[in-house]
Protein backbone atom coordinates (compact mmCIF):
# COMPACT_ATOMS: atom_id res chain seq x y z
CA MET A 1 0.00 0.00 0.00
CA SER A 2 1.22 3.49 -0.79
CA ASN A 3 -0.73 6.67 -0.14
CA GLN A 4 1.11 9.92 -0.67
CA ASN A 5 -1.57 11.80 1.28
CA LEU A 6 -0.90 10.06 4.58
CA PRO A 7 1.66 10.96 7.25
CA VAL A 8 4.56 8.50 7.28
CA LEU A 9 5.57 6.58 10.41
CA TYR A 10 8.96 4.89 10.59
CA SER A 11 8.74 2.19 13.22
CA PHE A 12 10.56 -0.84 14.61
CA ARG A 13 8.30 -3.57 15.96
CA ARG A 14 10.13 -4.40 19.19
CA CYS A 15 11.18 -0.89 20.24
CA PRO A 16 9.21 0.18 23.35
CA TYR A 17 9.12 3.79 22.15
CA ALA A 18 7.65 2.66 18.84
CA MET A 19 5.21 0.34 20.60
CA ARG A 20 3.71 3.12 22.67
CA THR A 21 3.50 5.33 19.62
CA ARG A 22 1.66 2.69 17.59
CA MET A 23 -0.75 2.14 20.48
CA ALA A 24 -1.63 5.83 20.55
CA ILE A 25 -1.96 5.97 16.77
CA ALA A 26 -4.24 2.93 16.72
CA ALA A 27 -6.37 4.17 19.62
CA SER A 28 -6.80 7.59 18.04
CA ASP A 29 -7.51 6.12 14.59
CA TYR A 30 -4.87 8.44 13.15
CA HIS A 31 -4.12 6.92 9.78
CA CYS A 32 -0.56 6.90 8.53
CA GLU A 33 1.71 4.95 6.24
CA LEU A 34 3.73 2.59 8.41
CA ARG A 35 7.25 1.81 7.26
CA GLU A 36 8.84 -0.98 9.28
CA ILE A 37 12.62 -0.74 9.60
CA ILE A 38 15.50 -2.60 11.19
CA LEU A 39 18.04 -0.55 13.07
CA LYS A 40 21.06 -2.00 11.28
CA ASP A 41 19.70 -0.95 7.87
CA LYS A 42 17.90 2.36 8.28
CA PRO A 43 16.19 3.78 5.18
CA LYS A 44 17.81 6.85 3.67
CA THR A 45 14.45 8.62 3.62
CA MET A 46 14.17 8.20 7.39
CA LEU A 47 17.69 9.51 8.00
CA ILE A 48 17.00 12.52 5.80
CA ALA A 49 13.87 13.27 7.81
CA SER A 50 15.54 12.63 11.18
CA PRO A 51 19.35 12.37 11.09
CA LYS A 52 19.56 11.10 14.68
CA GLY A 53 18.33 7.77 13.33
CA THR A 54 16.05 6.62 16.14
CA VAL A 55 12.47 5.43 15.93
CA PRO A 56 9.71 6.34 15.89
CA VAL A 57 9.66 9.13 13.33
CA LEU A 58 6.43 10.68 12.06
CA VAL A 59 6.60 12.80 8.91
CA LEU A 60 3.45 14.88 8.48
CA GLU A 61 1.83 15.71 5.16
CA ASP A 62 3.45 19.15 5.12
CA GLY A 63 6.91 17.71 5.80
CA THR A 64 6.98 18.51 9.51
CA VAL A 65 8.96 15.86 11.40
CA ILE A 66 8.14 14.63 14.90
CA ASP A 67 10.85 12.27 16.10
CA GLU A 68 10.10 11.83 19.80
CA SER A 69 7.61 9.14 20.75
CA LEU A 70 5.83 11.10 23.45
CA GLU A 71 5.40 14.09 21.14
CA ILE A 72 3.89 11.81 18.50
CA MET A 73 1.51 10.33 21.07
CA LEU A 74 0.37 13.79 22.13
CA HIS A 75 0.01 14.91 18.52
CA VAL A 76 -2.28 12.05 17.52
CA LEU A 77 -4.29 12.05 20.76
CA GLN A 78 -4.90 15.77 20.50
CA HIS A 79 -6.27 14.94 17.05
CA ASN A 80 -8.63 12.33 18.51
CA ASP A 81 -8.74 10.88 22.05
CA PRO A 82 -11.78 8.56 22.18
CA GLU A 83 -10.61 6.79 25.36
CA ASN A 84 -9.80 10.03 27.22
CA TRP A 85 -6.17 9.09 27.76
CA LEU A 86 -5.33 12.79 28.16
CA LEU A 87 -7.85 13.34 30.96
CA ASP A 88 -5.05 13.52 33.56
CA LYS A 89 -2.46 14.81 31.13
CA ALA A 90 -0.36 16.78 33.62
CA ASP A 91 -0.09 13.89 36.08
CA SER A 92 0.64 11.49 33.23
CA LEU A 93 3.43 13.66 31.90
CA ARG A 94 5.05 13.94 35.32
CA LEU A 95 5.06 10.17 35.79
CA ILE A 96 6.23 9.49 32.23
CA GLU A 97 9.10 11.96 32.64
CA GLU A 98 10.24 10.19 35.81
CA TYR A 99 10.28 6.78 34.16
CA ASP A 100 11.69 7.95 30.83
CA ILE A 101 14.52 9.90 32.42
CA GLN A 102 15.31 7.95 35.59
CA PHE A 103 14.05 4.39 35.12
CA LYS A 104 14.86 3.78 31.44
CA PRO A 105 18.67 4.18 31.82
CA LEU A 106 18.58 1.73 34.74
CA LEU A 107 16.53 -0.68 32.66
CA ASP A 108 19.12 -0.49 29.88
CA ARG A 109 21.92 -1.25 32.32
CA TYR A 110 19.96 -4.20 33.67
CA LYS A 111 19.02 -5.60 30.25
CA TYR A 112 22.42 -4.95 28.66
CA HIS A 113 24.44 -5.50 31.83
CA VAL A 114 27.42 -6.99 29.99
CA GLY A 115 28.13 -3.52 28.62
CA TYR A 116 28.10 -1.99 32.11
CA PRO A 117 30.62 -4.10 34.07
CA GLU A 118 31.08 -1.52 36.82
CA LEU A 119 28.18 -3.24 38.61
CA SER A 120 27.08 -6.86 38.77
CA PHE A 121 23.85 -8.06 37.18
CA ASP A 122 22.21 -8.25 40.61
CA GLU A 123 23.36 -4.73 41.48
CA HIS A 124 21.95 -3.34 38.24
CA ARG A 125 18.67 -5.09 38.98
CA ALA A 126 18.62 -3.79 42.55
CA ASN A 127 18.81 -0.23 41.25
CA THR A 128 15.56 -0.72 39.35
CA LEU A 129 13.52 -2.11 42.23
CA PRO A 130 12.28 1.17 43.76
CA PHE A 131 10.62 2.08 40.47
CA LEU A 132 8.80 -1.24 40.23
CA ASN A 133 7.75 -1.00 43.87
CA VAL A 134 6.22 2.43 43.27
CA LEU A 135 4.18 1.18 40.33
CA ASN A 136 2.95 -1.84 42.27
CA GLN A 137 1.90 0.42 45.15
CA LYS A 138 -0.04 2.67 42.77
CA LEU A 139 -1.77 -0.32 41.23
CA GLU A 140 -2.71 -1.76 44.62
CA ASN A 141 -4.96 1.27 45.05
CA SER A 142 -6.44 1.54 41.55
CA ALA A 143 -6.85 -0.45 38.36
CA HIS A 144 -4.44 1.78 36.47
CA LEU A 145 -1.53 4.04 37.31
CA LEU A 146 -3.57 7.20 37.80
CA GLY A 147 -6.95 5.84 38.77
CA ASP A 148 -9.70 3.61 37.47
CA ASN A 149 -9.21 4.44 33.79
CA ILE A 150 -6.32 3.94 31.41
CA GLN A 151 -4.37 7.15 30.93
CA LEU A 152 -1.44 8.27 28.81
CA ALA A 153 0.95 7.17 31.55
CA ASP A 154 -0.21 3.55 31.39
CA ILE A 155 0.35 3.32 27.65
CA ALA A 156 3.67 5.19 27.71
CA ILE A 157 5.21 3.21 30.58
CA MET A 158 3.83 -0.28 29.92
CA PRO A 159 6.18 -1.22 27.03
CA PHE A 160 9.19 -0.61 29.27
CA ILE A 161 7.75 -2.77 32.05
CA ARG A 162 7.20 -5.45 29.41
CA GLN A 163 10.84 -5.12 28.38
CA TYR A 164 11.90 -5.27 32.02
CA ALA A 165 9.82 -8.37 32.72
CA PHE A 166 11.25 -10.20 29.73
CA VAL A 167 14.86 -9.77 30.88
CA ASP A 168 14.19 -12.58 33.36
CA LYS A 169 10.53 -13.51 33.11
CA GLN A 170 10.66 -16.27 35.71
CA TRP A 171 12.26 -13.96 38.27
CA PHE A 172 9.77 -11.16 37.50
CA GLU A 173 6.81 -13.48 38.02
CA GLN A 174 8.22 -14.61 41.37
CA GLN A 175 8.39 -11.09 42.81
CA ASP A 176 5.82 -9.74 45.25
CA TRP A 177 4.28 -7.37 42.71
CA PRO A 178 0.83 -8.91 42.16
CA ALA A 179 -0.85 -5.67 41.15
CA LEU A 180 1.90 -4.74 38.70
CA GLN A 181 2.00 -8.24 37.23
CA SER A 182 -1.77 -8.26 36.74
CA TRP A 183 -1.73 -4.80 35.15
CA LEU A 184 1.02 -5.83 32.73
CA GLU A 185 -0.74 -9.07 31.83
CA LYS A 186 -3.98 -7.23 31.06
CA HIS A 187 -2.16 -4.86 28.73
CA LEU A 188 -0.26 -7.65 26.99
CA ASN A 189 -3.52 -9.53 26.41
CA SER A 190 -5.46 -6.47 25.29
CA SER A 191 -6.80 -6.29 21.76
CA LEU A 192 -4.98 -2.98 21.29
CA PHE A 193 -1.56 -4.38 22.13
CA LYS A 194 -2.10 -7.47 20.01
CA TYR A 195 -3.18 -5.23 17.13
CA ILE A 196 0.03 -3.19 17.11
CA LEU A 197 2.42 -6.15 17.35
CA PRO A 198 2.17 -8.13 14.09
CA LYS A 199 5.34 -8.82 12.13
CA PHE A 200 5.36 -6.20 9.41
CA LYS A 201 7.52 -6.78 6.37
CA LEU A 202 10.32 -4.29 5.87
CA PHE A 203 10.04 -0.99 4.06
CA ASN A 204 13.49 -1.60 2.58
CA ASP A 205 12.05 -4.72 0.94
CA GLY A 206 9.34 -2.65 -0.70
CA PHE A 207 6.54 -2.97 1.86
CA ARG A 208 4.45 -0.25 3.45
CA TYR A 209 1.13 -0.39 5.24
CA GLU A 210 -1.79 1.82 6.05
CA PHE A 211 -1.94 1.87 9.84
CA PRO A 212 -4.39 1.43 11.40
CA SER A 213 -5.79 -0.68 8.61
CA ALA A 214 -8.64 0.94 6.71
CA THR A 215 -10.49 -2.38 6.60
């Protein structure tokens, strides 16, 4: 599929930043042309649009480039927010900032611990625990991070908790985080998450998709 009138989204299936972006795009029914990439072979058109070479990248119809996932999420949800994910926008943004800036680097050191030998694997993991404890405490008091309804914070943070859990899934499931584990499982089994996670064929191989599907 090719439609020159649609915004173009460069995405990588397994990237948590791209996951949360695709979830917002799908939920808002913001149609774009999805171009699936692999990081070791980035399309020239993507690098021209955003030389920093990270995904996601959204190129609007007028050529405007948005190359930060949270900014893309806000852009599409301001266009259409049928689930009211922006209801507690200020609180969501504060929590997202904390986990993007403070938790994500610790997650990277835990997941890719071989590249950070200054601490042991267990020490890297220990540094992440306060952030998981906070989320579990929040979810003990409500169904979602900011109350009884899904908000922007849930969608923006969940892919990183998924990534964290999959570093050592057996260990994660053994921890005393029942509320967090249940919250994650519900998101992973949701129709929205399943919708955004198919294996798209690569743009460099000539494939592009309307996303969400028009059918």
